Structure formats: C-alpha cells, structure tokens
Amino acid sequence: MDTLQLKPLQLAAPDRLPEALPTEPELPPGYLLDGRFRIAETLGHSGMAIIYRAEDVAEGHRTIAVKVPLQKIERAPAWFARFLREQGMGAKFDHPQLVKFLPAPPHPSRPYLVMEYLPGRTLARVLDETWPLPEAVALQIASGVCTALRHMHGHGVVHCDLKPSNLMIGDDGTVRLFDFGLAAAPERGRHLLGSLRPIFGTPEYMAPEQVRNGFADERADIYSLGAILYELLTGEVPFRRDDPWESAYARLNGDPVAPRQLNPAISPAAEEIILHALQRKPQDRYPSVAAFQAELDAPEQVRITGYRDRLRAPRWRLSFQGTPITAGLVLGLSVVAVLVGMFFVLRFALAR
C-alpha cells in the first residue's frame, strides 16, 4: 500500500487546526512576510508556534502554510533547536503522506517554516468530534501512518513524537504525518547516563524506553502508533491518569486496560494488534512497521495469541524515575530525621 485514500468522515468541523489562546501578538491578515508570503489567517497555535495560512505571491499566489515559532521558543536553546531540526528533517522527505516542506527565503527576517497547505482536520480534532471511531476506519488510518513511517524509517529516521495532533486527515481523505521536531536517527541500547538526558515528547504516547532513558528506535514509533490506535477505538489513551507523566511512568512496569474492556465492540483481532504494538519490551513488539501494517490491512488473518490474558496492572513503586516528587520528599524527610537524630545523640554525648 503506497498511498491511502479514506472516505471523508462525515463530521462537521472547520478546516483548521484546533486553536489555543494566543500567547503573543499574531501577524495580522494582509501582512507581507519578507515581501513574499501574504498572511491570510491564523490556522492554529501550539506550545511552540503559530501556524498561518498564507499566499506565496512569488509563486502565482499559491496557498501555503507558514509556521512561526513563539518568541519564548526562540529564547530557549533546546526548544529552538527542535524547531530548526524540523526544517532539516522535513527537507529530507518527498512522500504523499508526509507534509512537504518548501524552500524559505535565504535570509529571512525571522525564523519560520514554509509548508504545503493541507485543508482538513488533525486527528485530535476528529477525536474531539467523534469517538470511538469505527474499527475499519481506525485500522485504515493506522495503516496510512505505517506507510508514512515506512518511508521515514527507510531513510534512517524515527519520528519520536507520534500523536493525534501530528496527524492530518485531509478533506480528500488522505492521512498526512507532520511535525518532525523530534525526528532523529535510531538510538539503540542503554547508555550509562541515558536517564540524565532531557526527555522530549508527549507522555501519553511515549514508549517505555523513551520514558526510561530518552532513547528510541523504529519500535518506539510502533508503540506510539499502538497508543493512538488504542485511543481511536476506545476513546481513552492507555494508562489514563490526571498527570500525564504518571501515565508515562505507569507503562514502565504494567500494561494498559484491555481495549475490549473499554469498548466491547472492538474485535478480538483489533485488540490483539493493539496489544502487540503496546508490549513494554521493544523486542516483543512488531519487528517492523511493515509487519504491523500487514496485520492492520488483513485483521481477519491475525492469530489470537492471548496478549489480553497476560496483562498486568501497573504497580506503584517509589523511585526517582517513576515518582520523582514523592521519592524526593521521602528522601528529604529521611535526611532530616537522620540529622535530627544525630543532633540529639551528639548533644546527649556532650552533656555527659
């Protein structure tokens, strides 16, 4: 399967990204950026950037999208490096299910990215309108993402931040993957100082190895897509918690609730596919995106192996990784108790 055409979902929703409250002044409609890109409207906001629909007046007034980082991101080196990485990674790809990046002027007045304009809705917006999705539609969407990932992995790149808000369902029914800010070459193995690396990503969709030490290979993308498929068919992310990081750390020592327990209408085959992708150990997941896609495309041929029967609920345990605040408080109180005890012992000894 090289491309995917979904039947347009019958949902009333505007063809723009979900908007959040603006955190800084926006470029007004009619503004001409670098004498070339005329701003038409604001499509949406994220924690990193504002996205605009614009016209490229130098290329026949074609409609494009412009992504401008927030000023606070430009002042944060680690986050700004992620923004710049997206442009470098996006320029590597030319595939119908990956958002296409377009050349920006050689000396821009400020940092921004230029991309093709995609009329449609993010998968997150679709889930806001309708959930759970019909099983056939959910499997087809996941298969389309697999097609995009196969192209990325074939070029030695792991996405590392799959989530519904990074997937676009076009008005024509196509599935597009975007936001390559965390994309990188695969990293395998465990490093001595791996747990000290800063962790970027979206906790609810991260693979256990990303949570544990920040490293990921192609199988981390398989886990994240499994988490998305879980949400498409149940309406819940795996390991639902009030704190997203509690959700992330729960996957280190436990399994999610069985999908069919949340939605009995899910077929045993679809549940088997989801739980195979969500195995805690990378070597227990699908060996490749191609193997994952093969079962998504032919669920009637999936062999039920009983993943559901081997699920184990997460166990709460005190650790600086899983419960850093609680563990820190306990350690702090323990140190204070020891110091107080030593003070009284020393005072008693001197009094004698």
Protein backbone atom coordinates (compact mmCIF):
# COMPACT_ATOMS: atom_id res chain seq x y z
CA MET A 1 0.00 0.00 0.00
CA ASP A 2 1.75 3.19 -1.17
CA THR A 3 -0.99 5.71 -0.54
CA LEU A 4 -4.16 5.76 1.46
CA GLN A 5 -7.49 7.23 0.49
CA LEU A 6 -10.05 7.35 3.27
CA LYS A 7 -13.64 8.13 2.59
CA PRO A 8 -14.17 11.62 4.00
CA LEU A 9 -15.51 11.36 7.54
CA GLN A 10 -18.95 12.87 7.87
CA LEU A 11 -18.18 15.30 10.67
CA ALA A 12 -18.95 18.98 10.79
CA ALA A 13 -15.72 20.75 11.63
CA PRO A 14 -13.80 23.71 10.23
CA ASP A 15 -10.77 23.04 8.04
CA ARG A 16 -8.28 24.43 10.51
CA LEU A 17 -6.17 23.25 13.38
CA PRO A 18 -7.59 23.42 16.92
CA GLU A 19 -6.84 26.81 18.38
CA ALA A 20 -5.47 27.67 21.80
CA LEU A 21 -5.33 31.06 23.42
CA PRO A 22 -2.65 33.22 21.75
CA THR A 23 0.42 33.86 23.87
CA GLU A 24 1.82 36.74 21.83
CA PRO A 25 0.70 39.12 19.07
CA GLU A 26 -0.15 37.41 15.81
CA LEU A 27 0.75 38.51 12.32
CA PRO A 28 -2.34 40.32 11.03
CA PRO A 29 -4.16 39.30 7.84
CA GLY A 30 -2.62 41.09 4.87
CA TYR A 31 0.84 41.25 6.44
CA LEU A 32 3.55 40.57 3.84
CA LEU A 33 6.29 38.44 5.37
CA ASP A 34 9.67 39.09 3.74
CA GLY A 35 7.90 40.63 0.75
CA ARG A 36 6.67 37.22 -0.37
CA PHE A 37 4.21 35.47 1.95
CA ARG A 38 0.94 37.35 2.48
CA ILE A 39 -0.79 36.23 5.69
CA ALA A 40 -4.43 35.26 5.15
CA GLU A 41 -5.48 33.89 8.53
CA THR A 42 -4.30 32.13 11.67
CA LEU A 43 -4.87 28.38 11.45
CA GLY A 44 -3.89 27.49 14.99
CA HIS A 45 -1.49 27.67 17.90
CA SER A 46 0.70 25.12 19.59
CA GLY A 47 3.07 25.32 22.52
CA MET A 48 5.87 26.13 20.11
CA ALA A 49 4.49 28.09 17.19
CA ILE A 50 1.65 29.87 15.43
CA ILE A 51 0.57 28.44 12.07
CA TYR A 52 -0.83 30.69 9.36
CA ARG A 53 -2.48 30.19 6.01
CA ALA A 54 -0.73 32.46 3.53
CA GLU A 55 -0.26 33.18 -0.16
CA ASP A 56 3.10 32.92 -1.89
CA VAL A 57 2.94 35.99 -4.11
CA ALA A 58 6.15 34.96 -5.89
CA GLU A 59 4.66 31.61 -6.97
CA GLY A 60 1.34 32.51 -8.51
CA HIS A 61 -0.34 33.26 -5.18
CA ARG A 62 -0.43 29.58 -4.29
CA THR A 63 -1.75 28.77 -0.83
CA ILE A 64 0.87 27.64 1.67
CA ALA A 65 1.23 27.31 5.44
CA VAL A 66 3.76 29.28 7.48
CA LYS A 67 4.87 28.12 10.91
CA VAL A 68 6.38 30.88 13.05
CA PRO A 69 7.97 29.95 16.41
CA LEU A 70 6.87 31.77 19.53
CA GLN A 71 9.34 34.30 20.86
CA LYS A 72 9.78 32.28 24.06
CA ILE A 73 10.85 29.31 21.92
CA GLU A 74 13.44 31.41 20.11
CA ARG A 75 14.91 32.28 23.52
CA ALA A 76 15.03 28.63 24.70
CA PRO A 77 18.04 26.93 23.02
CA ALA A 78 16.86 23.31 23.38
CA TRP A 79 13.36 24.03 22.08
CA PHE A 80 14.57 26.31 19.30
CA ALA A 81 17.00 23.61 18.17
CA ARG A 82 13.97 21.30 17.90
CA PHE A 83 12.24 23.86 15.68
CA LEU A 84 15.28 24.15 13.41
CA ARG A 85 15.63 20.35 13.28
CA GLU A 86 12.11 20.09 11.90
CA GLN A 87 13.10 22.04 8.80
CA GLY A 88 16.19 19.93 8.23
CA MET A 89 14.33 16.67 8.67
CA GLY A 90 11.30 17.75 6.64
CA ALA A 91 13.51 18.65 3.68
CA LYS A 92 14.70 15.01 3.51
CA PHE A 93 11.32 13.59 2.62
CA ASP A 94 9.22 13.54 -0.51
CA HIS A 95 6.22 11.32 0.10
CA PRO A 96 2.47 11.86 -0.37
CA GLN A 97 1.74 11.02 3.28
CA LEU A 98 4.38 13.30 4.78
CA VAL A 99 3.85 17.05 4.84
CA LYS A 100 6.04 18.67 2.22
CA PHE A 101 8.39 21.48 3.25
CA LEU A 102 9.01 24.30 0.80
CA PRO A 103 12.13 26.47 0.46
CA ALA A 104 12.16 29.63 2.54
CA PRO A 105 14.00 32.82 1.50
CA PRO A 106 17.78 32.53 2.04
CA HIS A 107 17.89 35.44 4.51
CA PRO A 108 14.55 35.55 6.37
CA SER A 109 13.75 38.42 8.68
CA ARG A 110 12.85 35.94 11.40
CA PRO A 111 12.77 32.14 11.79
CA TYR A 112 9.82 30.36 10.18
CA LEU A 113 8.98 27.25 8.17
CA VAL A 114 7.09 27.13 4.87
CA MET A 115 4.97 24.06 4.16
CA GLU A 116 2.28 22.90 1.81
CA TYR A 117 -1.21 23.85 2.95
CA LEU A 118 -3.41 20.92 3.94
CA PRO A 119 -7.14 21.63 4.14
CA GLY A 120 -8.57 19.24 6.68
CA ARG A 121 -8.52 18.43 10.39
CA THR A 122 -5.98 16.97 12.73
CA LEU A 123 -6.81 13.52 14.06
CA ALA A 124 -7.04 15.13 17.50
CA ARG A 125 -9.83 17.36 16.19
CA VAL A 126 -11.59 14.35 14.69
CA LEU A 127 -11.45 12.62 18.09
CA ASP A 128 -12.93 15.71 19.71
CA GLU A 129 -15.91 15.34 17.39
CA THR A 130 -16.38 11.57 17.23
CA TRP A 131 -15.06 8.74 19.37
CA PRO A 132 -14.55 5.92 19.27
CA LEU A 133 -14.06 5.67 15.53
CA PRO A 134 -15.45 2.77 13.51
CA GLU A 135 -12.95 -0.07 13.63
CA ALA A 136 -12.40 -0.24 9.86
CA VAL A 137 -11.68 3.49 9.71
CA ALA A 138 -9.29 3.36 12.68
CA LEU A 139 -7.33 0.47 11.19
CA GLN A 140 -7.15 2.25 7.84
CA ILE A 141 -5.84 5.43 9.45
CA ALA A 142 -3.19 3.46 11.35
CA SER A 143 -2.19 1.70 8.11
CA GLY A 144 -1.77 5.06 6.42
CA VAL A 145 0.52 6.21 9.23
CA CYS A 146 2.51 2.99 8.76
CA THR A 147 3.02 3.90 5.11
CA ALA A 148 4.46 7.28 6.13
CA LEU A 149 6.64 5.67 8.81
CA ARG A 150 7.99 3.09 6.38
CA HIS A 151 9.29 5.94 4.25
CA MET A 152 10.84 7.70 7.25
CA HIS A 153 12.40 4.54 8.67
CA GLY A 154 13.71 3.66 5.22
CA HIS A 155 15.63 6.94 5.32
CA GLY A 156 17.03 6.14 8.77
CA VAL A 157 14.75 8.50 10.69
CA VAL A 158 12.46 7.80 13.66
CA HIS A 159 9.58 10.26 14.24
CA CYS A 160 9.70 10.02 18.07
CA ASP A 161 6.56 12.13 18.67
CA LEU A 162 3.56 10.42 17.10
CA LYS A 163 0.23 11.68 18.46
CA PRO A 164 -3.19 12.60 17.06
CA SER A 165 -2.35 16.31 16.83
CA ASN A 166 0.57 15.46 14.49
CA LEU A 167 -1.65 13.62 12.03
CA MET A 168 -3.82 15.39 9.49
CA ILE A 169 -6.93 13.91 7.92
CA GLY A 170 -7.31 15.81 4.68
CA ASP A 171 -10.64 16.82 3.20
CA ASP A 172 -9.82 14.36 0.41
CA GLY A 173 -9.47 11.54 2.94
CA THR A 174 -5.67 11.29 2.88
CA VAL A 175 -3.62 10.85 6.05
CA ARG A 176 -0.56 13.09 6.46
CA LEU A 177 2.13 12.99 9.12
CA PHE A 178 3.88 16.18 10.19
CA ASP A 179 5.94 17.82 12.95
CA PHE A 180 9.44 16.39 12.65
CA GLY A 181 10.92 18.43 15.52
CA LEU A 182 11.93 15.32 17.47
CA ALA A 183 12.71 13.10 14.49
CA ALA A 184 16.18 11.60 14.67
CA ALA A 185 18.31 8.63 13.72
CA PRO A 186 17.52 5.44 15.68
CA GLU A 187 19.30 5.06 19.02
CA ARG A 188 19.62 1.55 20.36
CA GLY A 189 20.95 0.20 23.61
CA ARG A 190 21.14 1.67 27.05
CA HIS A 191 23.74 4.23 27.98
CA LEU A 192 25.16 4.79 31.44
CA LEU A 193 23.94 8.39 31.60
CA GLY A 194 20.83 7.85 29.47
CA SER A 195 18.44 8.62 32.33
CA LEU A 196 20.04 12.07 32.73
CA ARG A 197 19.09 13.15 29.21
CA PRO A 198 16.27 15.68 28.89
CA ILE A 199 13.13 13.89 27.71
CA PHE A 200 11.05 15.49 24.95
CA GLY A 201 7.78 14.13 23.67
CA THR A 202 4.16 13.67 24.65
CA PRO A 203 3.93 11.47 27.77
CA GLU A 204 0.67 9.69 26.94
CA TYR A 205 2.09 8.30 23.67
CA MET A 206 5.74 7.68 24.56
CA ALA A 207 7.24 4.20 24.51
CA PRO A 208 8.59 2.89 27.84
CA GLU A 209 12.20 3.14 26.66
CA GLN A 210 11.69 6.82 25.80
CA VAL A 211 10.37 7.46 29.30
CA ARG A 212 13.15 5.43 30.89
CA ASN A 213 16.19 6.88 29.16
CA GLY A 214 15.11 9.05 26.23
CA PHE A 215 16.36 6.64 23.54
CA ALA A 216 14.24 5.31 20.71
CA ASP A 217 14.43 3.26 17.55
CA GLU A 218 11.75 2.32 15.00
CA ARG A 219 9.93 0.20 17.58
CA ALA A 220 9.19 3.32 19.67
CA ASP A 221 7.13 4.65 16.75
CA ILE A 222 5.30 1.31 16.65
CA TYR A 223 4.41 1.69 20.34
CA SER A 224 3.21 5.27 19.86
CA LEU A 225 1.04 4.28 16.90
CA GLY A 226 -0.37 1.44 19.01
CA ALA A 227 -1.29 4.01 21.67
CA ILE A 228 -3.02 6.14 19.03
CA LEU A 229 -4.95 3.13 17.73
CA TYR A 230 -5.95 2.29 21.32
CA GLU A 231 -7.39 5.81 21.66
CA LEU A 232 -9.15 5.71 18.28
CA LEU A 233 -11.04 2.56 19.26
CA THR A 234 -11.66 3.16 22.99
CA GLY A 235 -11.81 6.95 23.31
CA GLU A 236 -9.11 6.75 26.02
CA VAL A 237 -5.32 6.91 25.94
CA PRO A 238 -3.57 3.93 27.52
CA PHE A 239 -2.81 4.44 31.22
CA ARG A 240 -5.23 7.31 31.70
CA ARG A 241 -4.06 9.46 34.64
CA ASP A 242 -4.71 13.02 35.82
CA ASP A 243 -0.98 13.75 35.48
CA PRO A 244 0.41 12.95 32.00
CA TRP A 245 3.76 11.94 33.49
CA GLU A 246 2.05 9.48 35.82
CA SER A 247 0.59 7.99 32.65
CA ALA A 248 4.07 7.82 31.15
CA TYR A 249 5.71 6.13 34.13
CA ALA A 250 2.85 3.63 34.60
CA ARG A 251 3.91 1.90 31.38
CA LEU A 252 7.33 1.04 32.80
CA ASN A 253 6.02 -1.82 34.94
CA GLY A 254 2.48 -2.55 33.80
CA ASP A 255 0.06 -2.95 30.92
CA PRO A 256 -2.97 -0.89 29.84
CA VAL A 257 -6.55 -1.92 30.43
CA ALA A 258 -7.65 -4.38 27.74
CA PRO A 259 -9.23 -2.39 24.88
CA ARG A 260 -12.32 -4.62 24.72
CA GLN A 261 -12.93 -3.95 28.41
CA LEU A 262 -13.43 -0.30 27.50
CA ASN A 263 -15.23 -0.95 24.20
CA PRO A 264 -16.70 -4.47 23.81
CA ALA A 265 -17.46 -3.73 20.14
CA ILE A 266 -13.76 -4.00 19.29
CA SER A 267 -12.95 -7.27 17.54
CA PRO A 268 -10.53 -9.74 19.19
CA ALA A 269 -8.22 -9.28 16.19
CA ALA A 270 -8.04 -5.50 16.59
CA GLU A 271 -7.37 -5.91 20.31
CA GLU A 272 -4.57 -8.38 19.52
CA ILE A 273 -3.00 -5.89 17.10
CA ILE A 274 -3.12 -3.06 19.63
CA LEU A 275 -1.67 -5.09 22.49
CA HIS A 276 1.09 -6.49 20.27
CA ALA A 277 2.18 -2.94 19.42
CA LEU A 278 1.99 -1.90 23.10
CA GLN A 279 4.32 -4.51 24.52
CA ARG A 280 6.64 -3.00 27.14
CA LYS A 281 9.81 -4.57 25.74
CA PRO A 282 10.72 -3.38 22.23
CA GLN A 283 11.72 -6.89 21.15
CA ASP A 284 8.20 -8.15 21.95
CA ARG A 285 6.50 -5.69 19.58
CA TYR A 286 6.17 -5.99 15.83
CA PRO A 287 9.68 -6.27 14.38
CA SER A 288 8.95 -3.59 11.80
CA VAL A 289 6.29 -1.16 10.68
CA ALA A 290 5.76 -3.35 7.62
CA ALA A 291 4.80 -6.29 9.85
CA PHE A 292 2.46 -4.01 11.82
CA GLN A 293 0.82 -2.75 8.62
CA ALA A 294 0.35 -6.28 7.27
CA GLU A 295 -1.94 -7.14 10.17
CA LEU A 296 -3.74 -3.80 10.04
CA ASP A 297 -4.57 -4.48 6.39
CA ALA A 298 -5.73 -8.07 7.00
CA PRO A 299 -7.18 -8.31 10.52
CA GLU A 300 -9.11 -11.43 9.56
CA GLN A 301 -5.77 -13.25 9.30
CA VAL A 302 -4.49 -12.19 12.73
CA ARG A 303 -3.73 -15.10 15.02
CA ILE A 304 -5.02 -14.58 18.57
CA THR A 305 -2.15 -15.36 20.93
CA GLY A 306 -3.75 -14.23 24.19
CA TYR A 307 -2.00 -10.93 24.92
CA ARG A 308 -5.16 -9.92 26.76
CA ASP A 309 -4.84 -12.82 29.20
CA ARG A 310 -1.29 -11.84 30.15
CA LEU A 311 -1.96 -8.20 31.00
CA ARG A 312 -0.63 -6.99 34.34
CA ALA A 313 -1.84 -3.83 36.06
CA PRO A 314 0.84 -1.21 36.76
CA ARG A 315 2.36 -1.41 40.24
CA TRP A 316 3.00 1.76 42.17
CA ARG A 317 6.52 1.92 43.47
CA LEU A 318 8.71 4.61 44.92
CA SER A 319 11.51 5.67 42.60
CA PHE A 320 13.22 8.83 41.46
CA GLN A 321 12.23 7.95 37.90
CA GLY A 322 8.64 6.92 38.33
CA THR A 323 7.64 9.10 41.29
CA PRO A 324 10.32 11.81 41.49
CA ILE A 325 8.42 14.28 43.68
CA THR A 326 7.26 11.70 46.22
CA ALA A 327 10.64 9.99 46.26
CA GLY A 328 12.37 13.35 46.76
CA LEU A 329 10.10 14.22 49.66
CA VAL A 330 10.66 10.85 51.33
CA LEU A 331 14.43 11.17 50.89
CA GLY A 332 14.40 14.72 52.20
CA LEU A 333 12.38 13.77 55.27
CA SER A 334 14.68 10.80 55.86
CA VAL A 335 17.76 13.03 55.74
CA VAL A 336 16.16 15.49 58.15
CA ALA A 337 15.25 12.65 60.52
CA VAL A 338 18.82 11.33 60.45
CA LEU A 339 20.28 14.79 61.10
CA VAL A 340 17.88 15.41 63.98
CA GLY A 341 18.76 12.02 65.46
CA MET A 342 22.48 12.73 65.15
CA PHE A 343 21.97 16.12 66.80
CA PHE A 344 20.31 14.61 69.86
CA VAL A 345 22.87 11.79 70.10
CA LEU A 346 25.72 14.30 69.92
CA ARG A 347 24.03 16.61 72.43
CA PHE A 348 23.49 13.72 74.85
CA ALA A 349 27.13 12.65 74.50
CA LEU A 350 28.45 16.16 75.16
CA ALA A 351 26.13 16.58 78.17
CA ARG A 352 27.75 13.55 79.79
